[in-house]
Structures are given as structure tokens and as C-alpha cells.
């Protein structure tokens, strides 16, 4: 039994979610191979070869994969997948875009967003915004799976010495093209990889008040997130959204400020190790999942907290 992982990378380095996916693959068991498809992506391939537990890296270096468009990448993955029992990718925006296409090309059912491995063909995944955990058995010859990174520890990025093999296939579907991107740059850690996340909701009242959260996050080396309500209100950009339709996080500490605790938001953060809630409404649902709760006006509590830090 062998497992193929589709690496998520920026051509220079691996994204953290790939390391979590390696851990999920190791729990399934078997030889673990990583496919690195990109343009001038040798640095990312070298990083993949160094990951502990990986025995082989397939390198598809071609201009067609430069921006890893799903329309071009899916035929490549489907072509390579014939030699594997499992094909895995992180359940990120990119993975969710790619893997259903791969499953369709292979004519198999996909198992999405797994949070636990029961056996080589049985997995657990959340449904109904995480209120129910379904155990799913997949009897397909090739199992196409996306992995919720927050549910698995990251594999060691060093210690491996996998062999590298070039894949010559080049698929350019010609139905899409990369136009441009606007990347938000920050000195803070990436939201899904941060050990501490400080999030604000509609109670922040406006985007300027998120500076209160940023001051705290900077002092503890954390990232700043937001609820969907705050994003929909235009307080902050949607790449900061935590929730079922945003990013799934599971940091060591999650601080929810001015967030009521709608199911959509809880689905994205309730696996955090410690949850702290600050809200002036003592009946807010967020207190039902919080390990520590402070009923207070956030505009008084946050400056005091920042001063103590």
C-alpha cells in the first residue's frame, strides 16, 4: 500500500498543512510519496524530501503548474494516482478546489475533511458544522481524501532523505489562466499555523478597533482572526475569517473577543486547546465552549490585558 500526498507550496517552501497531511498518511500506513508540482520548484521538492517519514518525492516542474491552477494540476494528479491506494491533500482552499476534480477524473467518491484515521479504509469527519462526527468507510480502489490539518500534529520537517523522481507530464487545460494576486503580508504568524489566535467579532464595532487585538497578539506572538460577522460587516478582510466558511484553527490558546459564538464560528475553532472568551453578554453561546470566560466590556478589558502583558 502506498500513499500519494499532493504538496501545498509556494515553489520555494512547503506550506505547514502539508506536514499535517504527512502525519495523517503515516496513521494510514504504507509508503508515503509527495507530489510537488510547480515551476522552478526544486527548493520545495528538497524541503519535501527532508520531511520525516517520506520515502519518495515526485517532482513535476513545468510552467503549466507555476500557479498550481486546479484545472491543470488535477489531470496530473489523476494520471499519477493509478499507482497509489490513497491520494491525500490538505483541506485548504487549494485542496478543496483540486481534489474533487481529481476524484471526478478517477470516477471515485471523495472523503472530505477527515479528522481521524480509524483504519486504512475508515475515517472520521465532521458534519453539521462539527456537531456530529461521522465514521465513513471508503471501499474505492483509490481513496481520494482531504485532511483537516488542525486535527493532526505536524510531521517533522527535517530528518528525512527521500529520493526524488522527475515527472515529465505537462497538462495545460487552456481553460484558465493566472491573472494576479493580492497577498496580505504580516510579521505575525499565519492564522492556521499560529499557537495563539486572538479573534474579534461584531462587538469590535469597527475595523480600527482591531488594533486592540493586534497589540495583544504582537505581545504573545500570535495571529489575529475574526468572526464571519466581523468580516461581513467590512471590519477586516476575509482572509482573517475563522469558521466553517473560513479557516479552521486549533491553536494552543484561542481568545474570542466580542464574539457571540455562532455555530459557524465554533466549527472553526472549538478544537483549540484552551479557549478564552471576553463578552459583555453573560448568556453568549461562546461561554459554553470556553475554558475561561470574562463577562466585561471589551474596551475596558483589552487595554487592561495589554498592560498586564
C-alpha atoms as a PDB file:
ATOM      1  CA  UNK A   1       0.000   0.000   0.000  1.00  0.00           C
ATOM      2  CA  UNK A   2       1.356   3.395  -0.963  1.00  0.00           C
ATOM      3  CA  UNK A   3       0.062   6.899  -0.365  1.00  0.00           C
ATOM      4  CA  UNK A   4       0.459   9.999  -2.527  1.00  0.00           C
ATOM      5  CA  UNK A   5       0.289  13.434  -0.918  1.00  0.00           C
ATOM      6  CA  UNK A   6      -0.234  16.478  -3.113  1.00  0.00           C
ATOM      7  CA  UNK A   7       2.052  19.097  -1.597  1.00  0.00           C
ATOM      8  CA  UNK A   8       0.867  22.617  -0.985  1.00  0.00           C
ATOM      9  CA  UNK A   9       3.765  25.001  -1.538  1.00  0.00           C
ATOM     10  CA  UNK A  10       4.878  28.336  -2.957  1.00  0.00           C
ATOM     11  CA  UNK A  11       7.611  26.836  -5.172  1.00  0.00           C
ATOM     12  CA  UNK A  12      10.201  27.781  -2.559  1.00  0.00           C
ATOM     13  CA  UNK A  13       8.946  26.013   0.565  1.00  0.00           C
ATOM     14  CA  UNK A  14       6.214  23.692   1.798  1.00  0.00           C
ATOM     15  CA  UNK A  15       3.105  25.046   3.470  1.00  0.00           C
ATOM     16  CA  UNK A  16       2.613  23.828   7.034  1.00  0.00           C
ATOM     17  CA  UNK A  17      -0.603  21.983   6.130  1.00  0.00           C
ATOM     18  CA  UNK A  18       1.430  19.512   4.073  1.00  0.00           C
ATOM     19  CA  UNK A  19       3.271  18.393   7.213  1.00  0.00           C
ATOM     20  CA  UNK A  20      -0.038  17.731   8.978  1.00  0.00           C
ATOM     21  CA  UNK A  21      -1.155  15.681   5.992  1.00  0.00           C
ATOM     22  CA  UNK A  22       2.012  13.559   6.227  1.00  0.00           C
ATOM     23  CA  UNK A  23       1.065  12.692   9.800  1.00  0.00           C
ATOM     24  CA  UNK A  24      -2.407  11.604   8.662  1.00  0.00           C
ATOM     25  CA  UNK A  25      -0.798   9.461   5.955  1.00  0.00           C
ATOM     26  CA  UNK A  26       1.519   7.831   8.486  1.00  0.00           C
ATOM     27  CA  UNK A  27      -1.523   6.808  10.535  1.00  0.00           C
ATOM     28  CA  UNK A  28      -2.988   5.101   7.466  1.00  0.00           C
ATOM     29  CA  UNK A  29       0.275   3.201   6.982  1.00  0.00           C
ATOM     30  CA  UNK A  30       2.369   2.400   3.926  1.00  0.00           C
ATOM     31  CA  UNK A  31       4.982   4.133   1.795  1.00  0.00           C
ATOM     32  CA  UNK A  32       4.449   7.880   1.675  1.00  0.00           C
ATOM     33  CA  UNK A  33       5.252   9.783  -1.513  1.00  0.00           C
ATOM     34  CA  UNK A  34       4.819  13.524  -2.080  1.00  0.00           C
ATOM     35  CA  UNK A  35       3.988  15.152  -5.405  1.00  0.00           C
ATOM     36  CA  UNK A  36       5.490  18.624  -5.799  1.00  0.00           C
ATOM     37  CA  UNK A  37       4.077  20.282  -8.925  1.00  0.00           C
ATOM     38  CA  UNK A  38       5.151  23.811  -9.741  1.00  0.00           C
ATOM     39  CA  UNK A  39       7.544  25.965 -11.732  1.00  0.00           C
ATOM     40  CA  UNK A  40      11.162  26.328 -10.578  1.00  0.00           C
ATOM     41  CA  UNK A  41      10.047  24.343  -7.539  1.00  0.00           C
ATOM     42  CA  UNK A  42      13.232  22.459  -6.735  1.00  0.00           C
ATOM     43  CA  UNK A  43      13.540  24.206  -3.360  1.00  0.00           C
ATOM     44  CA  UNK A  44      10.070  22.986  -2.395  1.00  0.00           C
ATOM     45  CA  UNK A  45      10.951  19.488  -3.624  1.00  0.00           C
ATOM     46  CA  UNK A  46      14.095  19.478  -1.491  1.00  0.00           C
ATOM     47  CA  UNK A  47      12.017  20.525   1.524  1.00  0.00           C
ATOM     48  CA  UNK A  48       9.574  17.689   0.830  1.00  0.00           C
ATOM     49  CA  UNK A  49      12.437  15.197   0.594  1.00  0.00           C
ATOM     50  CA  UNK A  50      13.585  16.237   4.068  1.00  0.00           C
ATOM     51  CA  UNK A  51      10.232  15.535   5.749  1.00  0.00           C
ATOM     52  CA  UNK A  52      10.413  12.635   8.175  1.00  0.00           C
ATOM     53  CA  UNK A  53       8.545   9.542   7.014  1.00  0.00           C
ATOM     54  CA  UNK A  54       8.540  10.379   3.295  1.00  0.00           C
ATOM     55  CA  UNK A  55      10.223   7.800   1.038  1.00  0.00           C
ATOM     56  CA  UNK A  56       9.870   9.422  -2.398  1.00  0.00           C
ATOM     57  CA  UNK A  57       9.210  12.845  -3.923  1.00  0.00           C
ATOM     58  CA  UNK A  58       7.728  13.195  -7.405  1.00  0.00           C
ATOM     59  CA  UNK A  59       8.745  16.489  -8.991  1.00  0.00           C
ATOM     60  CA  UNK A  60       6.639  17.958 -11.810  1.00  0.00           C
ATOM     61  CA  UNK A  61       8.473  21.141 -12.742  1.00  0.00           C
ATOM     62  CA  UNK A  62       6.681  22.839 -15.583  1.00  0.00           C
ATOM     63  CA  UNK A  63       5.386  26.313 -16.367  1.00  0.00           C
ATOM     64  CA  UNK A  64       1.845  24.869 -16.586  1.00  0.00           C
ATOM     65  CA  UNK A  65       1.952  24.268 -12.835  1.00  0.00           C
ATOM     66  CA  UNK A  66       3.535  27.580 -11.921  1.00  0.00           C
ATOM     67  CA  UNK A  67       0.497  28.850 -10.022  1.00  0.00           C
ATOM     68  CA  UNK A  68      -0.904  25.377  -9.319  1.00  0.00           C
ATOM     69  CA  UNK A  69      -4.175  26.016 -11.118  1.00  0.00           C
ATOM     70  CA  UNK A  70      -6.544  23.180 -10.284  1.00  0.00           C
ATOM     71  CA  UNK A  71      -7.602  22.847 -13.927  1.00  0.00           C
ATOM     72  CA  UNK A  72      -4.014  21.932 -14.873  1.00  0.00           C
ATOM     73  CA  UNK A  73      -2.992  20.096 -11.732  1.00  0.00           C
ATOM     74  CA  UNK A  74      -5.985  17.716 -11.499  1.00  0.00           C
ATOM     75  CA  UNK A  75      -5.132  15.763 -14.695  1.00  0.00           C
ATOM     76  CA  UNK A  76      -1.561  15.334 -13.463  1.00  0.00           C
ATOM     77  CA  UNK A  77      -2.647  14.016 -10.065  1.00  0.00           C
ATOM     78  CA  UNK A  78      -5.202  11.690 -11.667  1.00  0.00           C
ATOM     79  CA  UNK A  79      -2.541  10.362 -14.050  1.00  0.00           C
ATOM     80  CA  UNK A  80      -0.058   9.666 -11.267  1.00  0.00           C
ATOM     81  CA  UNK A  81      -2.694   8.336  -8.852  1.00  0.00           C
ATOM     82  CA  UNK A  82      -3.013   4.984 -10.615  1.00  0.00           C
ATOM     83  CA  UNK A  83      -0.009   3.658  -8.717  1.00  0.00           C
ATOM     84  CA  UNK A  84      -1.439   4.507  -5.287  1.00  0.00           C
ATOM     85  CA  UNK A  85      -4.103   3.257  -2.894  1.00  0.00           C
ATOM     86  CA  UNK A  86      -4.640   6.694  -1.314  1.00  0.00           C
ATOM     87  CA  UNK A  87      -4.305  10.261  -2.602  1.00  0.00           C
ATOM     88  CA  UNK A  88      -4.275  12.934   0.112  1.00  0.00           C
ATOM     89  CA  UNK A  89      -4.190  16.722   0.177  1.00  0.00           C
ATOM     90  CA  UNK A  90      -4.737  19.336   2.888  1.00  0.00           C
ATOM     91  CA  UNK A  91      -8.351  20.508   3.247  1.00  0.00           C
ATOM     92  CA  UNK A  92      -7.347  24.074   2.484  1.00  0.00           C
ATOM     93  CA  UNK A  93      -8.863  26.361  -0.122  1.00  0.00           C
ATOM     94  CA  UNK A  94      -6.472  24.903  -2.704  1.00  0.00           C
ATOM     95  CA  UNK A  95      -7.109  21.312  -1.664  1.00  0.00           C
ATOM     96  CA  UNK A  96     -10.870  21.783  -1.729  1.00  0.00           C
ATOM     97  CA  UNK A  97     -10.558  23.197  -5.236  1.00  0.00           C
ATOM     98  CA  UNK A  98      -8.300  20.437  -6.537  1.00  0.00           C
ATOM     99  CA  UNK A  99      -9.333  17.132  -5.034  1.00  0.00           C
ATOM    100  CA  UNK A 100     -12.988  16.931  -6.170  1.00  0.00           C
ATOM    101  CA  UNK A 101     -11.676  17.334  -9.728  1.00  0.00           C
ATOM    102  CA  UNK A 102      -9.215  14.502  -9.140  1.00  0.00           C
ATOM    103  CA  UNK A 103     -11.957  12.274  -7.704  1.00  0.00           C
ATOM    104  CA  UNK A 104     -14.173  13.018 -10.690  1.00  0.00           C
ATOM    105  CA  UNK A 105     -11.410  12.169 -13.171  1.00  0.00           C
ATOM    106  CA  UNK A 106     -10.779   8.899 -11.315  1.00  0.00           C
ATOM    107  CA  UNK A 107     -14.554   8.274 -11.016  1.00  0.00           C
ATOM    108  CA  UNK A 108     -14.336   7.612  -7.273  1.00  0.00           C
ATOM    109  CA  UNK A 109     -16.008   9.020  -4.180  1.00  0.00           C
ATOM    110  CA  UNK A 110     -14.033  11.528  -2.128  1.00  0.00           C
ATOM    111  CA  UNK A 111     -13.772  11.559   1.667  1.00  0.00           C
ATOM    112  CA  UNK A 112     -13.506  15.193   2.733  1.00  0.00           C
ATOM    113  CA  UNK A 113     -12.007  16.916   5.743  1.00  0.00           C
ATOM    114  CA  UNK A 114     -11.022  13.874   7.801  1.00  0.00           C
ATOM    115  CA  UNK A 115     -10.094  14.457  11.436  1.00  0.00           C
ATOM    116  CA  UNK A 116      -9.062  10.917  12.405  1.00  0.00           C
ATOM    117  CA  UNK A 117      -7.901   7.666  10.829  1.00  0.00           C
ATOM    118  CA  UNK A 118      -9.656   4.534  12.095  1.00  0.00           C
ATOM    119  CA  UNK A 119      -8.119   2.160   9.559  1.00  0.00           C
ATOM    120  CA  UNK A 120      -6.801   2.228   6.008  1.00  0.00           C
ATOM    121  CA  UNK A 121     -10.348   2.484   4.624  1.00  0.00           C
ATOM    122  CA  UNK A 122     -12.262   4.081   7.529  1.00  0.00           C
ATOM    123  CA  UNK A 123     -12.084   7.698   8.628  1.00  0.00           C
ATOM    124  CA  UNK A 124     -13.835  10.200  10.852  1.00  0.00           C
ATOM    125  CA  UNK A 125     -15.061  13.544   9.568  1.00  0.00           C
ATOM    126  CA  UNK A 126     -17.250  16.304  10.996  1.00  0.00           C
ATOM    127  CA  UNK A 127     -20.703  17.050   9.615  1.00  0.00           C
ATOM    128  CA  UNK A 128     -23.394  19.559  10.588  1.00  0.00           C
ATOM    129  CA  UNK A 129     -20.777  22.200  11.460  1.00  0.00           C
ATOM    130  CA  UNK A 130     -18.955  19.729  13.679  1.00  0.00           C
ATOM    131  CA  UNK A 131     -21.961  18.850  15.827  1.00  0.00           C
ATOM    132  CA  UNK A 132     -21.819  15.266  14.553  1.00  0.00           C
ATOM    133  CA  UNK A 133     -18.736  13.169  13.792  1.00  0.00           C
ATOM    134  CA  UNK A 134     -19.375  10.667  11.010  1.00  0.00           C
ATOM    135  CA  UNK A 135     -17.358   7.468  10.627  1.00  0.00           C
ATOM    136  CA  UNK A 136     -17.010   6.777   6.910  1.00  0.00           C
ATOM    137  CA  UNK A 137     -15.779   3.596   5.237  1.00  0.00           C
ATOM    138  CA  UNK A 138     -14.465   4.037   1.705  1.00  0.00           C
ATOM    139  CA  UNK A 139     -14.180   0.919  -0.456  1.00  0.00           C
ATOM    140  CA  UNK A 140     -12.880   2.624  -3.604  1.00  0.00           C
ATOM    141  CA  UNK A 141      -9.734   1.180  -5.194  1.00  0.00           C
ATOM    142  CA  UNK A 142      -8.153   4.647  -4.959  1.00  0.00           C
ATOM    143  CA  UNK A 143      -9.178   6.673  -1.914  1.00  0.00           C
ATOM    144  CA  UNK A 144      -9.190  10.432  -2.534  1.00  0.00           C
ATOM    145  CA  UNK A 145      -9.050  12.282   0.777  1.00  0.00           C
ATOM    146  CA  UNK A 146      -8.674  15.802   2.113  1.00  0.00           C
ATOM    147  CA  UNK A 147      -7.216  16.222   5.594  1.00  0.00           C
ATOM    148  CA  UNK A 148      -8.130  18.806   8.212  1.00  0.00           C
ATOM    149  CA  UNK A 149      -4.656  19.928   9.270  1.00  0.00           C
ATOM    150  CA  UNK A 150      -5.777  21.213  12.662  1.00  0.00           C
ATOM    151  CA  UNK A 151      -6.724  17.649  13.669  1.00  0.00           C
ATOM    152  CA  UNK A 152      -3.220  16.207  13.160  1.00  0.00           C
ATOM    153  CA  UNK A 153       0.162  17.204  14.555  1.00  0.00           C
ATOM    154  CA  UNK A 154       2.728  18.385  12.032  1.00  0.00           C
ATOM    155  CA  UNK A 155       5.311  15.851  10.934  1.00  0.00           C
ATOM    156  CA  UNK A 156       8.954  16.758  11.489  1.00  0.00           C
ATOM    157  CA  UNK A 157      10.212  18.928   8.629  1.00  0.00           C
ATOM    158  CA  UNK A 158      13.728  17.536   8.992  1.00  0.00           C
ATOM    159  CA  UNK A 159      15.162  14.052   9.312  1.00  0.00           C
ATOM    160  CA  UNK A 160      14.049  12.513   6.037  1.00  0.00           C
ATOM    161  CA  UNK A 161      16.105  11.715   2.961  1.00  0.00           C
ATOM    162  CA  UNK A 162      13.616  10.741   0.278  1.00  0.00           C
ATOM    163  CA  UNK A 163      14.681  10.048  -3.276  1.00  0.00           C
ATOM    164  CA  UNK A 164      13.440  12.441  -5.948  1.00  0.00           C
ATOM    165  CA  UNK A 165      11.968  11.440  -9.304  1.00  0.00           C
ATOM    166  CA  UNK A 166      11.030  13.776 -12.144  1.00  0.00           C
ATOM    167  CA  UNK A 167       7.566  13.588 -13.662  1.00  0.00           C
ATOM    168  CA  UNK A 168       7.585  14.756 -17.257  1.00  0.00           C
ATOM    169  CA  UNK A 169       3.828  15.044 -17.792  1.00  0.00           C
ATOM    170  CA  UNK A 170       2.626  18.567 -18.606  1.00  0.00           C
ATOM    171  CA  UNK A 171      -1.083  19.302 -18.606  1.00  0.00           C
ATOM    172  CA  UNK A 172      -2.293  22.710 -19.697  1.00  0.00           C
ATOM    173  CA  UNK A 173      -6.067  22.607 -19.964  1.00  0.00           C
ATOM    174  CA  UNK A 174      -6.126  26.044 -21.543  1.00  0.00           C
ATOM    175  CA  UNK A 175      -9.395  26.926 -19.819  1.00  0.00           C
ATOM    176  CA  UNK A 176      -8.000  29.162 -17.105  1.00  0.00           C
ATOM    177  CA  UNK A 177      -5.071  31.476 -16.596  1.00  0.00           C
ATOM    178  CA  UNK A 178      -3.430  33.221 -13.682  1.00  0.00           C
ATOM    179  CA  UNK A 179      -4.196  36.939 -13.709  1.00  0.00           C
ATOM    180  CA  UNK A 180      -2.789  38.235 -10.428  1.00  0.00           C
ATOM    181  CA  UNK A 181      -2.957  38.093  -6.665  1.00  0.00           C
ATOM    182  CA  UNK A 182      -3.059  40.441  -3.723  1.00  0.00           C
ATOM    183  CA  UNK A 183      -1.192  38.923  -0.821  1.00  0.00           C
ATOM    184  CA  UNK A 184      -1.589  40.363   2.645  1.00  0.00           C
ATOM    185  CA  UNK A 185       1.844  40.499   4.276  1.00  0.00           C
ATOM    186  CA  UNK A 186       2.304  40.497   8.028  1.00  0.00           C
ATOM    187  CA  UNK A 187       5.024  39.885  10.566  1.00  0.00           C
ATOM    188  CA  UNK A 188       2.545  37.818  12.565  1.00  0.00           C
ATOM    189  CA  UNK A 189       2.345  34.040  12.071  1.00  0.00           C
ATOM    190  CA  UNK A 190      -0.085  32.607   9.533  1.00  0.00           C
ATOM    191  CA  UNK A 191      -3.526  32.107  11.064  1.00  0.00           C
ATOM    192  CA  UNK A 192      -3.765  28.332  10.686  1.00  0.00           C
ATOM    193  CA  UNK A 193      -0.206  27.782  11.982  1.00  0.00           C
ATOM    194  CA  UNK A 194      -0.220  30.176  14.965  1.00  0.00           C
ATOM    195  CA  UNK A 195      -0.016  28.808  18.514  1.00  0.00           C
ATOM    196  CA  UNK A 196      -2.051  31.766  19.771  1.00  0.00           C
ATOM    197  CA  UNK A 197      -5.012  33.323  17.955  1.00  0.00           C
ATOM    198  CA  UNK A 198      -6.831  36.442  19.108  1.00  0.00           C
ATOM    199  CA  UNK A 199     -10.116  36.933  17.263  1.00  0.00           C
ATOM    200  CA  UNK A 200     -12.687  39.693  17.235  1.00  0.00           C
ATOM    201  CA  UNK A 201     -16.339  39.726  16.324  1.00  0.00           C
ATOM    202  CA  UNK A 202     -19.108  42.205  15.676  1.00  0.00           C
ATOM    203  CA  UNK A 203     -18.596  43.532  19.199  1.00  0.00           C
ATOM    204  CA  UNK A 204     -15.396  45.233  17.999  1.00  0.00           C
ATOM    205  CA  UNK A 205     -17.742  47.776  16.322  1.00  0.00           C
ATOM    206  CA  UNK A 206     -15.317  48.740  13.538  1.00  0.00           C
ATOM    207  CA  UNK A 207     -12.060  47.796  11.873  1.00  0.00           C
ATOM    208  CA  UNK A 208      -9.989  50.421  13.665  1.00  0.00           C
ATOM    209  CA  UNK A 209     -10.719  48.752  16.999  1.00  0.00           C
ATOM    210  CA  UNK A 210      -8.969  45.594  15.825  1.00  0.00           C
ATOM    211  CA  UNK A 211      -5.775  47.470  16.726  1.00  0.00           C
ATOM    212  CA  UNK A 212      -6.607  46.483  20.317  1.00  0.00           C
ATOM    213  CA  UNK A 213      -6.379  42.834  19.338  1.00  0.00           C
ATOM    214  CA  UNK A 214      -3.248  43.366  17.270  1.00  0.00           C
ATOM    215  CA  UNK A 215      -1.473  44.903  20.265  1.00  0.00           C
ATOM    216  CA  UNK A 216      -2.190  41.793  22.323  1.00  0.00           C
ATOM    217  CA  UNK A 217      -1.338  39.390  19.510  1.00  0.00           C
ATOM    218  CA  UNK A 218       2.014  41.103  18.946  1.00  0.00           C
ATOM    219  CA  UNK A 219       2.930  40.737  22.605  1.00  0.00           C
ATOM    220  CA  UNK A 220       2.266  36.988  22.644  1.00  0.00           C
ATOM    221  CA  UNK A 221       3.477  36.205  19.118  1.00  0.00           C
ATOM    222  CA  UNK A 222       0.004  35.343  17.933  1.00  0.00           C
ATOM    223  CA  UNK A 223      -2.206  35.844  14.900  1.00  0.00           C
ATOM    224  CA  UNK A 224      -5.360  37.932  14.606  1.00  0.00           C
ATOM    225  CA  UNK A 225      -8.608  36.370  13.399  1.00  0.00           C
ATOM    226  CA  UNK A 226     -12.216  37.409  13.061  1.00  0.00           C
ATOM    227  CA  UNK A 227     -15.722  36.014  13.019  1.00  0.00           C
ATOM    228  CA  UNK A 228     -17.793  35.931   9.862  1.00  0.00           C
ATOM    229  CA  UNK A 229     -19.972  38.718  11.271  1.00  0.00           C
ATOM    230  CA  UNK A 230     -16.929  40.996  11.529  1.00  0.00           C
ATOM    231  CA  UNK A 231     -15.831  40.129   8.003  1.00  0.00           C
ATOM    232  CA  UNK A 232     -19.302  40.581   6.538  1.00  0.00           C
ATOM    233  CA  UNK A 233     -19.530  43.961   8.271  1.00  0.00           C
ATOM    234  CA  UNK A 234     -16.348  45.011   6.467  1.00  0.00           C
ATOM    235  CA  UNK A 235     -14.238  45.390   9.600  1.00  0.00           C
ATOM    236  CA  UNK A 236     -11.410  43.175   8.301  1.00  0.00           C
ATOM    237  CA  UNK A 237     -10.571  41.220   5.105  1.00  0.00           C
ATOM    238  CA  UNK A 238     -11.974  37.722   4.652  1.00  0.00           C
ATOM    239  CA  UNK A 239      -8.559  36.036   4.882  1.00  0.00           C
ATOM    240  CA  UNK A 240      -8.854  36.640   8.639  1.00  0.00           C
ATOM    241  CA  UNK A 241     -12.129  34.748   8.961  1.00  0.00           C
ATOM    242  CA  UNK A 242     -12.224  31.793  11.329  1.00  0.00           C
ATOM    243  CA  UNK A 243     -15.142  29.406  10.931  1.00  0.00           C
ATOM    244  CA  UNK A 244     -16.841  26.804   8.813  1.00  0.00           C
ATOM    245  CA  UNK A 245     -16.632  29.016   5.722  1.00  0.00           C
ATOM    246  CA  UNK A 246     -13.282  30.494   6.765  1.00  0.00           C
ATOM    247  CA  UNK A 247     -10.160  28.950   8.242  1.00  0.00           C
ATOM    248  CA  UNK A 248     -10.094  26.035  10.667  1.00  0.00           C
ATOM    249  CA  UNK A 249      -7.700  26.660  13.549  1.00  0.00           C
ATOM    250  CA  UNK A 250      -6.678  24.678  16.612  1.00  0.00           C
ATOM    251  CA  UNK A 251      -4.067  26.775  18.448  1.00  0.00           C
ATOM    252  CA  UNK A 252      -2.854  26.208  21.978  1.00  0.00           C
ATOM    253  CA  UNK A 253      -4.711  29.372  23.017  1.00  0.00           C
ATOM    254  CA  UNK A 254      -7.734  30.945  21.336  1.00  0.00           C
ATOM    255  CA  UNK A 255      -9.060  34.268  22.613  1.00  0.00           C
ATOM    256  CA  UNK A 256     -12.536  35.207  21.370  1.00  0.00           C
ATOM    257  CA  UNK A 257     -13.344  38.874  21.905  1.00  0.00           C
ATOM    258  CA  UNK A 258     -16.795  40.267  21.224  1.00  0.00           C
ATOM    259  CA  UNK A 259     -17.806  37.023  19.516  1.00  0.00           C
ATOM    260  CA  UNK A 260     -21.215  35.617  20.372  1.00  0.00           C
ATOM    261  CA  UNK A 261     -20.345  32.055  19.399  1.00  0.00           C
ATOM    262  CA  UNK A 262     -22.455  31.167  16.382  1.00  0.00           C
ATOM    263  CA  UNK A 263     -22.203  27.548  15.218  1.00  0.00           C
ATOM    264  CA  UNK A 264     -20.421  28.683  12.047  1.00  0.00           C
ATOM    265  CA  UNK A 265     -17.612  30.200  14.108  1.00  0.00           C
ATOM    266  CA  UNK A 266     -17.402  27.407  16.679  1.00  0.00           C
ATOM    267  CA  UNK A 267     -16.881  24.881  13.872  1.00  0.00           C
ATOM    268  CA  UNK A 268     -13.618  26.621  13.026  1.00  0.00           C
ATOM    269  CA  UNK A 269     -12.052  26.923  16.484  1.00  0.00           C
ATOM    270  CA  UNK A 270     -13.600  24.586  19.048  1.00  0.00           C
ATOM    271  CA  UNK A 271     -10.658  22.157  18.812  1.00  0.00           C
ATOM    272  CA  UNK A 272      -8.358  24.806  20.312  1.00  0.00           C
ATOM    273  CA  UNK A 273      -6.523  23.561  23.399  1.00  0.00           C
ATOM    274  CA  UNK A 274      -7.605  26.479  25.633  1.00  0.00           C
ATOM    275  CA  UNK A 275     -10.426  28.887  24.780  1.00  0.00           C
ATOM    276  CA  UNK A 276     -10.831  32.260  26.469  1.00  0.00           C
ATOM    277  CA  UNK A 277     -13.945  34.359  25.837  1.00  0.00           C
ATOM    278  CA  UNK A 278     -14.477  38.058  26.571  1.00  0.00           C
ATOM    279  CA  UNK A 279     -18.035  39.261  26.080  1.00  0.00           C
ATOM    280  CA  UNK A 280     -20.337  41.626  27.946  1.00  0.00           C
ATOM    281  CA  UNK A 281     -23.312  39.304  27.356  1.00  0.00           C
ATOM    282  CA  UNK A 282     -23.133  36.623  30.013  1.00  0.00           C
ATOM    283  CA  UNK A 283     -25.591  34.471  28.016  1.00  0.00           C
ATOM    284  CA  UNK A 284     -23.464  34.451  24.855  1.00  0.00           C
ATOM    285  CA  UNK A 285     -23.104  30.872  23.472  1.00  0.00           C
ATOM    286  CA  UNK A 286     -19.321  31.278  23.319  1.00  0.00           C
ATOM    287  CA  UNK A 287     -19.166  30.781  27.084  1.00  0.00           C
ATOM    288  CA  UNK A 288     -20.480  27.232  26.658  1.00  0.00           C
ATOM    289  CA  UNK A 289     -17.270  26.142  24.931  1.00  0.00           C
ATOM    290  CA  UNK A 290     -14.837  28.488  26.700  1.00  0.00           C
ATOM    291  CA  UNK A 291     -12.414  27.190  29.309  1.00  0.00           C
ATOM    292  CA  UNK A 292     -12.211  30.690  30.780  1.00  0.00           C
ATOM    293  CA  UNK A 293     -14.806  33.420  30.403  1.00  0.00           C
ATOM    294  CA  UNK A 294     -14.758  37.085  31.302  1.00  0.00           C
ATOM    295  CA  UNK A 295     -18.032  38.990  31.322  1.00  0.00           C
ATOM    296  CA  UNK A 296     -16.830  42.529  30.698  1.00  0.00           C
ATOM    297  CA  UNK A 297     -16.771  45.418  28.271  1.00  0.00           C
ATOM    298  CA  UNK A 298     -14.003  44.548  25.832  1.00  0.00           C
ATOM    299  CA  UNK A 299     -12.992  48.211  25.519  1.00  0.00           C
ATOM    300  CA  UNK A 300     -12.099  48.162  29.201  1.00  0.00           C
ATOM    301  CA  UNK A 301     -10.781  44.601  29.400  1.00  0.00           C
ATOM    302  CA  UNK A 302      -8.430  44.691  26.390  1.00  0.00           C
ATOM    303  CA  UNK A 303      -6.354  47.726  27.454  1.00  0.00           C
ATOM    304  CA  UNK A 304      -6.038  46.198  30.935  1.00  0.00           C
ATOM    305  CA  UNK A 305      -4.978  42.859  29.485  1.00  0.00           C
ATOM    306  CA  UNK A 306      -2.468  44.518  27.171  1.00  0.00           C
ATOM    307  CA  UNK A 307      -1.000  46.456  30.099  1.00  0.00           C
ATOM    308  CA  UNK A 308      -0.584  43.275  32.160  1.00  0.00           C
ATOM    309  CA  UNK A 309       1.167  41.539  29.280  1.00  0.00           C
END
